[in-house]
Full PDB file with SEQRES, HELIX, SHEET, SSBOND, CRYST1, ORIGX, SCALE, CONECT and MASTER records, all heavy atoms in Angstrom:
SEQRES   1 A   31  VAL GLU ALA PHE LEU LEU ASN ALA CYS ARG SER TYR GLU          
SEQRES   2 A   31  GLN GLY ALA LYS LEU VAL GLU LYS GLY SER THR GLY GLY          
SEQRES   3 A   31  VAL VAL THR LEU ALA                                          
HELIX    1 AA1 TYR A   12  LYS A   21  1                                  10    
SHEET    1 AA1 2 ALA A   3  LEU A   5  0                                        
SHEET    2 AA1 2 GLY A  25  VAL A  27  1                                        
CRYST1    1.000    1.000    1.000  90.00  90.00  90.00 P 1           1          
ORIGX1      1.000000  0.000000  0.000000        0.00000                         
ORIGX2      0.000000  1.000000  0.000000        0.00000                         
ORIGX3      0.000000  0.000000  1.000000        0.00000                         
SCALE1      1.000000  0.000000  0.000000        0.00000                         
SCALE2      0.000000  1.000000  0.000000        0.00000                         
SCALE3      0.000000  0.000000  1.000000        0.00000                         
ATOM      1  N   VAL A   1      -2.364 -28.396  51.376  1.00  0.00           N  
ATOM      2  CA  VAL A   1      -1.744 -27.386  52.182  1.00  0.00           C  
ATOM      3  C   VAL A   1      -0.695 -26.638  51.353  1.00  0.00           C  
ATOM      4  O   VAL A   1       0.080 -27.141  50.665  1.00  0.00           O  
ATOM      5  CB  VAL A   1      -0.897 -28.134  53.310  1.00  0.00           C  
ATOM      6  CG1 VAL A   1       0.034 -27.151  54.100  1.00  0.00           C  
ATOM      7  CG2 VAL A   1      -1.869 -28.746  54.356  1.00  0.00           C  
ATOM      8  N   GLU A   2      -0.860 -25.288  51.341  1.00  0.00           N  
ATOM      9  CA  GLU A   2      -0.063 -24.441  50.435  1.00  0.00           C  
ATOM     10  C   GLU A   2       1.380 -24.420  50.795  1.00  0.00           C  
ATOM     11  O   GLU A   2       2.244 -24.519  49.889  1.00  0.00           O  
ATOM     12  CB  GLU A   2      -0.609 -22.984  50.605  1.00  0.00           C  
ATOM     13  CG  GLU A   2      -0.075 -22.080  49.570  1.00  0.00           C  
ATOM     14  CD  GLU A   2      -0.864 -22.200  48.284  1.00  0.00           C  
ATOM     15  OE1 GLU A   2      -2.069 -22.173  48.252  1.00  0.00           O  
ATOM     16  OE2 GLU A   2      -0.091 -22.243  47.233  1.00  0.00           O  
ATOM     17  N   ALA A   3       1.742 -24.365  52.054  1.00  0.00           N  
ATOM     18  CA  ALA A   3       3.198 -24.305  52.491  1.00  0.00           C  
ATOM     19  C   ALA A   3       3.314 -25.007  53.874  1.00  0.00           C  
ATOM     20  O   ALA A   3       2.294 -25.192  54.545  1.00  0.00           O  
ATOM     21  CB  ALA A   3       3.662 -22.831  52.566  1.00  0.00           C  
ATOM     22  N   PHE A   4       4.567 -25.300  54.239  1.00  0.00           N  
ATOM     23  CA  PHE A   4       4.729 -26.052  55.426  1.00  0.00           C  
ATOM     24  C   PHE A   4       6.193 -25.895  56.098  1.00  0.00           C  
ATOM     25  O   PHE A   4       7.108 -25.418  55.296  1.00  0.00           O  
ATOM     26  CB  PHE A   4       4.544 -27.564  55.184  1.00  0.00           C  
ATOM     27  CG  PHE A   4       5.426 -28.044  54.028  1.00  0.00           C  
ATOM     28  CD1 PHE A   4       6.678 -28.378  54.208  1.00  0.00           C  
ATOM     29  CD2 PHE A   4       4.911 -28.072  52.743  1.00  0.00           C  
ATOM     30  CE1 PHE A   4       7.528 -28.857  53.159  1.00  0.00           C  
ATOM     31  CE2 PHE A   4       5.685 -28.605  51.663  1.00  0.00           C  
ATOM     32  CZ  PHE A   4       7.036 -28.899  51.859  1.00  0.00           C  
ATOM     33  N   LEU A   5       6.223 -26.275  57.362  1.00  0.00           N  
ATOM     34  CA  LEU A   5       7.508 -26.427  58.040  1.00  0.00           C  
ATOM     35  C   LEU A   5       7.460 -27.816  58.599  1.00  0.00           C  
ATOM     36  O   LEU A   5       6.537 -28.103  59.329  1.00  0.00           O  
ATOM     37  CB  LEU A   5       7.743 -25.361  59.123  1.00  0.00           C  
ATOM     38  CG  LEU A   5       8.836 -25.696  60.126  1.00  0.00           C  
ATOM     39  CD1 LEU A   5      10.151 -25.878  59.531  1.00  0.00           C  
ATOM     40  CD2 LEU A   5       8.854 -24.729  61.305  1.00  0.00           C  
ATOM     41  N   LEU A   6       8.390 -28.669  58.165  1.00  0.00           N  
ATOM     42  CA  LEU A   6       8.447 -30.011  58.743  1.00  0.00           C  
ATOM     43  C   LEU A   6       9.739 -30.085  59.634  1.00  0.00           C  
ATOM     44  O   LEU A   6      10.793 -30.246  59.267  1.00  0.00           O  
ATOM     45  CB  LEU A   6       8.643 -31.036  57.610  1.00  0.00           C  
ATOM     46  CG  LEU A   6       7.570 -31.000  56.543  1.00  0.00           C  
ATOM     47  CD1 LEU A   6       7.802 -32.260  55.576  1.00  0.00           C  
ATOM     48  CD2 LEU A   6       6.122 -31.125  57.114  1.00  0.00           C  
ATOM     49  N   ASN A   7       9.375 -29.724  60.953  1.00  0.00           N  
ATOM     50  CA  ASN A   7      10.491 -29.685  61.935  1.00  0.00           C  
ATOM     51  C   ASN A   7      10.780 -30.941  62.558  1.00  0.00           C  
ATOM     52  O   ASN A   7      10.366 -31.186  63.718  1.00  0.00           O  
ATOM     53  CB  ASN A   7      10.044 -28.497  62.987  1.00  0.00           C  
ATOM     54  CG  ASN A   7      11.424 -27.918  63.505  1.00  0.00           C  
ATOM     55  OD1 ASN A   7      12.483 -28.220  63.200  1.00  0.00           O  
ATOM     56  ND2 ASN A   7      11.254 -26.951  64.430  1.00  0.00           N  
ATOM     57  N   ALA A   8      11.334 -31.829  61.724  1.00  0.00           N  
ATOM     58  CA  ALA A   8      11.602 -33.237  62.217  1.00  0.00           C  
ATOM     59  C   ALA A   8      12.927 -33.611  61.471  1.00  0.00           C  
ATOM     60  O   ALA A   8      13.421 -33.040  60.537  1.00  0.00           O  
ATOM     61  CB  ALA A   8      10.544 -34.146  61.760  1.00  0.00           C  
ATOM     62  N   CYS A   9      13.584 -34.616  62.025  1.00  0.00           N  
ATOM     63  CA  CYS A   9      14.820 -35.070  61.431  1.00  0.00           C  
ATOM     64  C   CYS A   9      14.655 -35.612  60.015  1.00  0.00           C  
ATOM     65  O   CYS A   9      13.744 -36.389  59.719  1.00  0.00           O  
ATOM     66  CB  CYS A   9      15.406 -36.225  62.263  1.00  0.00           C  
ATOM     67  SG  CYS A   9      16.189 -35.643  63.842  1.00  0.00           S  
ATOM     68  N   ARG A  10      15.575 -35.208  59.153  1.00  0.00           N  
ATOM     69  CA  ARG A  10      15.597 -35.733  57.734  1.00  0.00           C  
ATOM     70  C   ARG A  10      14.255 -35.692  57.179  1.00  0.00           C  
ATOM     71  O   ARG A  10      13.806 -36.675  56.535  1.00  0.00           O  
ATOM     72  CB  ARG A  10      16.277 -37.046  57.751  1.00  0.00           C  
ATOM     73  CG  ARG A  10      17.699 -36.997  58.008  1.00  0.00           C  
ATOM     74  CD  ARG A  10      18.387 -38.389  57.891  1.00  0.00           C  
ATOM     75  NE  ARG A  10      17.819 -39.313  58.816  1.00  0.00           N  
ATOM     76  CZ  ARG A  10      17.787 -40.658  58.646  1.00  0.00           C  
ATOM     77  NH1 ARG A  10      18.289 -41.133  57.541  1.00  0.00           N  
ATOM     78  NH2 ARG A  10      17.376 -41.387  59.509  1.00  0.00           N  
ATOM     79  N   SER A  11      13.612 -34.525  57.138  1.00  0.00           N  
ATOM     80  CA  SER A  11      12.243 -34.419  56.644  1.00  0.00           C  
ATOM     81  C   SER A  11      12.107 -34.058  55.143  1.00  0.00           C  
ATOM     82  O   SER A  11      11.070 -33.900  54.659  1.00  0.00           O  
ATOM     83  CB  SER A  11      11.388 -33.412  57.438  1.00  0.00           C  
ATOM     84  OG  SER A  11      12.008 -32.116  57.308  1.00  0.00           O  
ATOM     85  N   TYR A  12      13.312 -33.968  54.470  1.00  0.00           N  
ATOM     86  CA  TYR A  12      13.315 -33.606  53.151  1.00  0.00           C  
ATOM     87  C   TYR A  12      12.581 -34.443  52.222  1.00  0.00           C  
ATOM     88  O   TYR A  12      11.956 -34.086  51.265  1.00  0.00           O  
ATOM     89  CB  TYR A  12      14.839 -33.389  52.635  1.00  0.00           C  
ATOM     90  CG  TYR A  12      15.606 -34.630  52.634  1.00  0.00           C  
ATOM     91  CD1 TYR A  12      15.685 -35.379  51.432  1.00  0.00           C  
ATOM     92  CD2 TYR A  12      16.326 -35.096  53.771  1.00  0.00           C  
ATOM     93  CE1 TYR A  12      16.509 -36.535  51.438  1.00  0.00           C  
ATOM     94  CE2 TYR A  12      17.033 -36.206  53.732  1.00  0.00           C  
ATOM     95  CZ  TYR A  12      17.133 -36.897  52.579  1.00  0.00           C  
ATOM     96  OH  TYR A  12      17.870 -38.082  52.599  1.00  0.00           O  
ATOM     97  N   GLU A  13      12.640 -35.756  52.394  1.00  0.00           N  
ATOM     98  CA  GLU A  13      11.933 -36.743  51.458  1.00  0.00           C  
ATOM     99  C   GLU A  13      10.384 -36.510  51.557  1.00  0.00           C  
ATOM    100  O   GLU A  13       9.704 -36.502  50.522  1.00  0.00           O  
ATOM    101  CB  GLU A  13      12.305 -38.124  51.855  1.00  0.00           C  
ATOM    102  CG  GLU A  13      13.719 -38.515  51.399  1.00  0.00           C  
ATOM    103  CD  GLU A  13      13.935 -39.999  51.587  1.00  0.00           C  
ATOM    104  OE1 GLU A  13      13.124 -40.786  52.207  1.00  0.00           O  
ATOM    105  OE2 GLU A  13      14.997 -40.459  51.149  1.00  0.00           O  
ATOM    106  N   GLN A  14       9.877 -36.348  52.772  1.00  0.00           N  
ATOM    107  CA  GLN A  14       8.534 -36.122  52.890  1.00  0.00           C  
ATOM    108  C   GLN A  14       8.018 -34.733  52.315  1.00  0.00           C  
ATOM    109  O   GLN A  14       7.071 -34.601  51.717  1.00  0.00           O  
ATOM    110  CB  GLN A  14       8.033 -36.224  54.384  1.00  0.00           C  
ATOM    111  CG  GLN A  14       8.222 -37.663  54.850  1.00  0.00           C  
ATOM    112  CD  GLN A  14       7.369 -38.656  54.159  1.00  0.00           C  
ATOM    113  OE1 GLN A  14       6.178 -38.475  53.966  1.00  0.00           O  
ATOM    114  NE2 GLN A  14       7.968 -39.749  53.724  1.00  0.00           N  
ATOM    115  N   GLY A  15       8.919 -33.754  52.561  1.00  0.00           N  
ATOM    116  CA  GLY A  15       8.707 -32.488  51.973  1.00  0.00           C  
ATOM    117  C   GLY A  15       8.680 -32.575  50.542  1.00  0.00           C  
ATOM    118  O   GLY A  15       7.835 -31.812  49.892  1.00  0.00           O  
ATOM    119  N   ALA A  16       9.637 -33.201  49.927  1.00  0.00           N  
ATOM    120  CA  ALA A  16       9.626 -33.280  48.485  1.00  0.00           C  
ATOM    121  C   ALA A  16       8.393 -33.925  47.910  1.00  0.00           C  
ATOM    122  O   ALA A  16       7.818 -33.513  46.921  1.00  0.00           O  
ATOM    123  CB  ALA A  16      10.854 -34.048  48.015  1.00  0.00           C  
ATOM    124  N   LYS A  17       7.838 -34.936  48.659  1.00  0.00           N  
ATOM    125  CA  LYS A  17       6.629 -35.606  48.237  1.00  0.00           C  
ATOM    126  C   LYS A  17       5.427 -34.596  48.374  1.00  0.00           C  
ATOM    127  O   LYS A  17       4.480 -34.675  47.528  1.00  0.00           O  
ATOM    128  CB  LYS A  17       6.441 -36.804  48.959  1.00  0.00           C  
ATOM    129  CG  LYS A  17       7.388 -37.927  48.612  1.00  0.00           C  
ATOM    130  CD  LYS A  17       7.282 -39.173  49.521  1.00  0.00           C  
ATOM    131  CE  LYS A  17       8.360 -40.186  49.163  1.00  0.00           C  
ATOM    132  NZ  LYS A  17       8.257 -41.367  50.131  1.00  0.00           N  
ATOM    133  N   LEU A  18       5.405 -33.834  49.436  1.00  0.00           N  
ATOM    134  CA  LEU A  18       4.259 -32.865  49.574  1.00  0.00           C  
ATOM    135  C   LEU A  18       4.268 -31.859  48.394  1.00  0.00           C  
ATOM    136  O   LEU A  18       3.173 -31.443  47.888  1.00  0.00           O  
ATOM    137  CB  LEU A  18       4.439 -32.094  50.928  1.00  0.00           C  
ATOM    138  CG  LEU A  18       4.250 -32.900  52.180  1.00  0.00           C  
ATOM    139  CD1 LEU A  18       4.351 -32.013  53.428  1.00  0.00           C  
ATOM    140  CD2 LEU A  18       2.835 -33.618  52.210  1.00  0.00           C  
ATOM    141  N   VAL A  19       5.483 -31.317  47.983  1.00  0.00           N  
ATOM    142  CA  VAL A  19       5.533 -30.487  46.869  1.00  0.00           C  
ATOM    143  C   VAL A  19       5.122 -31.139  45.545  1.00  0.00           C  
ATOM    144  O   VAL A  19       4.308 -30.593  44.730  1.00  0.00           O  
ATOM    145  CB  VAL A  19       6.958 -29.944  46.698  1.00  0.00           C  
ATOM    146  CG1 VAL A  19       7.142 -29.066  45.441  1.00  0.00           C  
ATOM    147  CG2 VAL A  19       7.273 -28.920  47.894  1.00  0.00           C  
ATOM    148  N   GLU A  20       5.545 -32.378  45.426  1.00  0.00           N  
ATOM    149  CA  GLU A  20       5.090 -33.163  44.277  1.00  0.00           C  
ATOM    150  C   GLU A  20       3.666 -33.385  44.219  1.00  0.00           C  
ATOM    151  O   GLU A  20       2.965 -33.294  43.074  1.00  0.00           O  
ATOM    152  CB  GLU A  20       5.830 -34.510  44.261  1.00  0.00           C  
ATOM    153  CG  GLU A  20       5.514 -35.436  43.089  1.00  0.00           C  
ATOM    154  CD  GLU A  20       6.170 -36.825  43.177  1.00  0.00           C  
ATOM    155  OE1 GLU A  20       7.092 -36.980  43.999  1.00  0.00           O  
ATOM    156  OE2 GLU A  20       5.714 -37.701  42.431  1.00  0.00           O  
ATOM    157  N   LYS A  21       2.935 -33.515  45.316  1.00  0.00           N  
ATOM    158  CA  LYS A  21       1.541 -33.746  45.340  1.00  0.00           C  
ATOM    159  C   LYS A  21       0.704 -32.496  45.397  1.00  0.00           C  
ATOM    160  O   LYS A  21      -0.507 -32.582  45.412  1.00  0.00           O  
ATOM    161  CB  LYS A  21       1.259 -34.576  46.682  1.00  0.00           C  
ATOM    162  CG  LYS A  21       1.870 -35.930  46.728  1.00  0.00           C  
ATOM    163  CD  LYS A  21       1.183 -36.979  45.818  1.00  0.00           C  
ATOM    164  CE  LYS A  21       1.699 -38.312  45.936  1.00  0.00           C  
ATOM    165  NZ  LYS A  21       0.935 -39.374  45.194  1.00  0.00           N  
ATOM    166  N   GLY A  22       1.262 -31.292  45.479  1.00  0.00           N  
ATOM    167  CA  GLY A  22       0.369 -30.149  45.362  1.00  0.00           C  
ATOM    168  C   GLY A  22       0.830 -28.941  46.212  1.00  0.00           C  
ATOM    169  O   GLY A  22       0.317 -27.817  45.977  1.00  0.00           O  
ATOM    170  N   SER A  23       1.707 -29.061  47.212  1.00  0.00           N  
ATOM    171  CA  SER A  23       2.109 -27.871  47.983  1.00  0.00           C  
ATOM    172  C   SER A  23       2.999 -27.093  47.084  1.00  0.00           C  
ATOM    173  O   SER A  23       3.616 -27.489  46.146  1.00  0.00           O  
ATOM    174  CB  SER A  23       2.980 -28.266  49.238  1.00  0.00           C  
ATOM    175  OG  SER A  23       2.039 -28.793  50.113  1.00  0.00           O  
ATOM    176  N   THR A  24       3.196 -25.737  47.467  1.00  0.00           N  
ATOM    177  CA  THR A  24       3.994 -24.850  46.713  1.00  0.00           C  
ATOM    178  C   THR A  24       5.410 -24.774  47.303  1.00  0.00           C  
ATOM    179  O   THR A  24       6.409 -24.613  46.497  1.00  0.00           O  
ATOM    180  CB  THR A  24       3.351 -23.433  46.764  1.00  0.00           C  
ATOM    181  OG1 THR A  24       2.050 -23.459  46.160  1.00  0.00           O  
ATOM    182  CG2 THR A  24       4.152 -22.441  45.924  1.00  0.00           C  
ATOM    183  N   GLY A  25       5.596 -24.854  48.602  1.00  0.00           N  
ATOM    184  CA  GLY A  25       6.929 -24.896  49.160  1.00  0.00           C  
ATOM    185  C   GLY A  25       6.923 -24.996  50.665  1.00  0.00           C  
ATOM    186  O   GLY A  25       5.849 -25.011  51.283  1.00  0.00           O  
ATOM    187  N   GLY A  26       8.057 -25.225  51.206  1.00  0.00           N  
ATOM    188  CA  GLY A  26       8.180 -25.483  52.550  1.00  0.00           C  
ATOM    189  C   GLY A  26       9.640 -25.470  53.124  1.00  0.00           C  
ATOM    190  O   GLY A  26      10.596 -25.232  52.298  1.00  0.00           O  
ATOM    191  N   VAL A  27       9.814 -25.676  54.401  1.00  0.00           N  
ATOM    192  CA  VAL A  27      11.126 -25.827  54.976  1.00  0.00           C  
ATOM    193  C   VAL A  27      11.232 -27.158  55.505  1.00  0.00           C  
ATOM    194  O   VAL A  27      10.343 -27.689  56.201  1.00  0.00           O  
ATOM    195  CB  VAL A  27      11.248 -24.634  56.124  1.00  0.00           C  
ATOM    196  CG1 VAL A  27      12.597 -24.894  56.888  1.00  0.00           C  
ATOM    197  CG2 VAL A  27      11.068 -23.284  55.619  1.00  0.00           C  
ATOM    198  N   VAL A  28      12.398 -27.813  55.230  1.00  0.00           N  
ATOM    199  CA  VAL A  28      12.692 -29.166  55.656  1.00  0.00           C  
ATOM    200  C   VAL A  28      14.077 -29.204  56.198  1.00  0.00           C  
ATOM    201  O   VAL A  28      14.738 -28.322  56.191  1.00  0.00           O  
ATOM    202  CB  VAL A  28      12.538 -30.121  54.450  1.00  0.00           C  
ATOM    203  CG1 VAL A  28      11.041 -30.167  53.982  1.00  0.00           C  
ATOM    204  CG2 VAL A  28      13.427 -29.788  53.366  1.00  0.00           C  
ATOM    205  N   THR A  29      14.403 -30.431  56.749  1.00  0.00           N  
ATOM    206  CA  THR A  29      15.702 -30.657  57.241  1.00  0.00           C  
ATOM    207  C   THR A  29      16.443 -31.726  56.467  1.00  0.00           C  
ATOM    208  O   THR A  29      15.815 -32.662  55.801  1.00  0.00           O  
ATOM    209  CB  THR A  29      15.782 -31.097  58.669  1.00  0.00           C  
ATOM    210  OG1 THR A  29      15.102 -32.370  58.789  1.00  0.00           O  
ATOM    211  CG2 THR A  29      15.042 -30.131  59.555  1.00  0.00           C  
ATOM    212  N   LEU A  30      17.748 -31.644  56.328  1.00  0.00           N  
ATOM    213  CA  LEU A  30      18.544 -32.695  55.515  1.00  0.00           C  
ATOM    214  C   LEU A  30      19.172 -33.662  56.500  1.00  0.00           C  
ATOM    215  O   LEU A  30      19.833 -34.509  55.942  1.00  0.00           O  
ATOM    216  CB  LEU A  30      19.535 -31.934  54.673  1.00  0.00           C  
ATOM    217  CG  LEU A  30      19.121 -31.049  53.520  1.00  0.00           C  
ATOM    218  CD1 LEU A  30      20.176 -30.387  52.850  1.00  0.00           C  
ATOM    219  CD2 LEU A  30      18.206 -31.930  52.543  1.00  0.00           C  
ATOM    220  N   ALA A  31      19.110 -33.443  57.772  1.00  0.00           N  
ATOM    221  CA  ALA A  31      19.903 -34.233  58.659  1.00  0.00           C  
ATOM    222  C   ALA A  31      19.138 -34.433  59.938  1.00  0.00           C  
ATOM    223  O   ALA A  31      17.987 -33.952  60.215  1.00  0.00           O  
ATOM    224  CB  ALA A  31      21.208 -33.658  58.957  1.00  0.00           C  
TER     225      ALA A  31                                                      
MASTER        0    0    0    1    2    0    0    6  224    1    0    3          
END                                                                             
């Protein structure tokens, strides 16, 4: 998946892993 929006609580860790695994960027939450 090229890019994403993870509209869930504290999704930054999963978003960071998606970027590490191949995504280019996305929107996450810190809280």
